[in-house]
Structure formats: C-alpha cells, structure tokens
Amino acid sequence: MVTPNYPPVQESSDRGQAIVTRGDQQYNVYASWTKHKRISEVTVSTTYQILEVKTGRIIDANSITKTATDVAQWITYDGDEAAIPLEVKAYNTTGDVAATPAEILANSTLKAIGKDIAERILKVYKE
C-alpha cells in the first residue's frame, strides 16, 4: 500500500532591522519575511513470504513499512535584504519550491524495501 501525505504549507512570519553603510552614510533598513515549509511524505507498506517450493512451507513472512520524506523551504520578503538574518537568508529566496512528487518518493521507498527483502532472502539461505 502506498500512502502519500502532503500537508498544507507551514508558514511563519517575522521582521527585522539592520544598520547598513552605503557610501559615507549609515541607514536603518527594514524587512519582513515569511518562511514557507512544504513537507512531502510517502509511506509504503508491504508484506512478503518466502516459500520452499517443494513443500510449500513458509520459511519466512513479515511486513515492512518505510517512509520517505522531503522538505522544501523558502522565504518571501519585502524590504531590504540586508535586514534579514543570515540563518533566514539560508532559505531559498527564489520563490515557491515544489514538493517532490509522490511517484519519486514511492519509487525510492520501494527500492529500499526491495533491498531489505533481498537481504532477508540471503539471510534465510545462508542459515
């Protein structure tokens, strides 16, 4: 089962001020910004059985659930960028950032589950 989860964008706003020197003059500059955070998440759940073909005996059976998550963060702002703190400037400032599509997250999660199952099969036959 593949379960995508794309909650609404989380937003928080703040504002700041700084003193900048331009030429021989110092100025107070101001800015307000909004941090945007978009989370994309896909959970994949599956079950498997390893059977002995000759006897039909179940050698191993289990369920696996894995989740892949991606976080996109950016800011929008008004005012002078010099008034925005460095930790906020670290966010993308080019605008809205798209969430990773569910198909891509599901694919990477399915690969991880496939690897887990392969490791369990090898473990069974090494014993």
Protein backbone atom coordinates (compact mmCIF):
# COMPACT_ATOMS: atom_id res chain seq x y z
CA MET A 1 0.00 0.00 0.00
CA VAL A 2 1.32 3.45 -0.93
CA THR A 3 0.10 6.37 1.19
CA PRO A 4 1.11 9.88 0.13
CA ASN A 5 0.94 12.69 2.68
CA TYR A 6 1.23 16.29 1.51
CA PRO A 7 0.06 18.53 4.35
CA PRO A 8 -0.56 22.23 3.74
CA VAL A 9 2.45 24.54 3.57
CA GLN A 10 3.52 25.72 7.02
CA GLU A 11 4.22 29.43 7.29
CA SER A 12 5.72 31.72 9.92
CA SER A 13 6.39 35.43 9.60
CA ASP A 14 8.89 37.77 11.21
CA ARG A 15 10.61 41.07 10.61
CA GLY A 16 13.97 42.64 11.29
CA GLN A 17 16.11 45.71 11.06
CA ALA A 18 19.79 46.38 10.46
CA ILE A 19 22.15 49.30 10.14
CA VAL A 20 23.98 49.38 6.82
CA THR A 21 26.64 51.69 5.48
CA ARG A 22 26.25 52.91 1.93
CA GLY A 23 28.90 55.33 0.83
CA ASP A 24 29.64 57.62 3.77
CA GLN A 25 26.18 57.26 5.30
CA GLN A 26 24.63 54.79 7.70
CA TYR A 27 20.99 53.83 7.29
CA ASN A 28 18.43 51.81 9.20
CA VAL A 29 16.93 49.23 6.86
CA TYR A 30 13.90 47.04 7.46
CA ALA A 31 12.50 43.82 6.08
CA SER A 32 9.64 41.46 6.77
CA TRP A 33 9.66 37.85 5.65
CA THR A 34 7.62 34.71 5.67
CA LYS A 35 9.24 31.28 5.96
CA HIS A 36 7.45 28.60 3.97
CA LYS A 37 7.92 24.89 4.62
CA ARG A 38 6.43 22.20 2.41
CA ILE A 39 6.72 18.58 3.52
CA SER A 40 6.17 15.72 1.12
CA GLU A 41 5.96 12.22 2.51
CA VAL A 42 5.09 8.79 1.18
CA THR A 43 4.67 5.66 3.28
CA VAL A 44 4.89 2.26 1.61
CA SER A 45 3.73 -0.88 3.41
CA THR A 46 4.06 -4.39 2.07
CA THR A 47 4.09 -7.99 3.21
CA TYR A 48 6.12 -10.86 1.85
CA GLN A 49 6.50 -14.61 2.20
CA ILE A 50 9.49 -16.77 1.36
CA LEU A 51 8.26 -20.25 0.43
CA GLU A 52 10.02 -23.54 -0.02
CA VAL A 53 8.67 -24.55 -3.41
CA LYS A 54 8.99 -28.32 -2.95
CA THR A 55 6.99 -28.46 0.28
CA GLY A 56 5.03 -25.22 0.19
CA ARG A 57 6.38 -24.48 3.67
CA ILE A 58 6.61 -20.82 4.63
CA ILE A 59 10.23 -20.16 5.55
CA ASP A 60 9.80 -16.50 6.42
CA ALA A 61 6.96 -13.97 6.37
CA ASN A 62 6.89 -10.40 7.50
CA SER A 63 5.62 -6.89 6.89
CA ILE A 64 7.77 -3.90 6.05
CA THR A 65 6.81 -0.26 6.25
CA LYS A 66 9.09 2.56 5.15
CA THR A 67 8.57 6.28 4.78
CA ALA A 68 10.38 8.73 2.52
CA THR A 69 10.22 12.42 3.37
CA ASP A 70 11.37 15.54 1.56
CA VAL A 71 11.27 19.08 2.93
CA ALA A 72 11.31 22.19 0.75
CA GLN A 73 11.88 25.54 2.46
CA TRP A 74 11.91 29.07 1.10
CA ILE A 75 11.21 32.63 2.12
CA THR A 76 9.39 35.54 0.57
CA TYR A 77 10.25 39.01 1.79
CA ASP A 78 9.59 42.71 1.46
CA GLY A 79 12.08 45.43 2.25
CA ASP A 80 15.86 45.47 2.28
CA GLU A 81 17.50 42.04 2.16
CA ALA A 82 20.31 43.37 4.41
CA ALA A 83 17.82 43.37 7.32
CA ILE A 84 17.23 39.61 7.00
CA PRO A 85 19.34 37.50 9.43
CA LEU A 86 21.85 35.06 7.91
CA GLU A 87 20.01 31.96 9.19
CA VAL A 88 16.91 33.12 7.34
CA LYS A 89 18.87 34.00 4.19
CA ALA A 90 19.96 30.35 4.11
CA TYR A 91 16.46 29.53 2.88
CA ASN A 92 15.78 29.60 -0.85
CA THR A 93 14.78 33.13 -1.86
CA THR A 94 13.84 32.45 -5.49
CA GLY A 95 10.22 31.68 -4.66
CA ASP A 96 7.91 28.72 -4.23
CA VAL A 97 9.71 25.37 -4.16
CA ALA A 98 7.83 22.34 -5.46
CA ALA A 99 7.34 19.21 -3.39
CA THR A 100 8.95 16.01 -4.58
CA PRO A 101 6.26 14.08 -6.48
CA ALA A 102 4.74 11.07 -4.74
CA GLU A 103 5.88 8.78 -7.57
CA ILE A 104 9.55 9.64 -6.96
CA LEU A 105 9.32 9.21 -3.19
CA ALA A 106 7.40 5.94 -3.60
CA ASN A 107 10.00 4.66 -6.06
CA SER A 108 12.90 5.33 -3.70
CA THR A 109 10.97 3.74 -0.82
CA LEU A 110 10.15 0.65 -2.90
CA LYS A 111 13.85 0.28 -3.78
CA ALA A 112 14.72 0.36 -0.07
CA ILE A 113 12.05 -2.25 0.70
CA GLY A 114 13.29 -4.44 -2.16
CA LYS A 115 16.80 -4.27 -0.71
CA ASP A 116 15.51 -5.26 2.74
CA ILE A 117 13.63 -8.25 1.31
CA ALA A 118 16.69 -9.35 -0.72
CA GLU A 119 18.83 -9.19 2.42
CA ARG A 120 16.28 -11.32 4.30
CA ILE A 121 16.20 -13.90 1.49
CA LEU A 122 20.01 -14.13 1.57
CA LYS A 123 19.94 -14.48 5.34
CA VAL A 124 17.42 -17.36 5.12
CA TYR A 125 19.54 -19.27 2.60
CA LYS A 126 22.81 -18.68 4.46
CA GLU A 127 21.37 -20.41 7.53
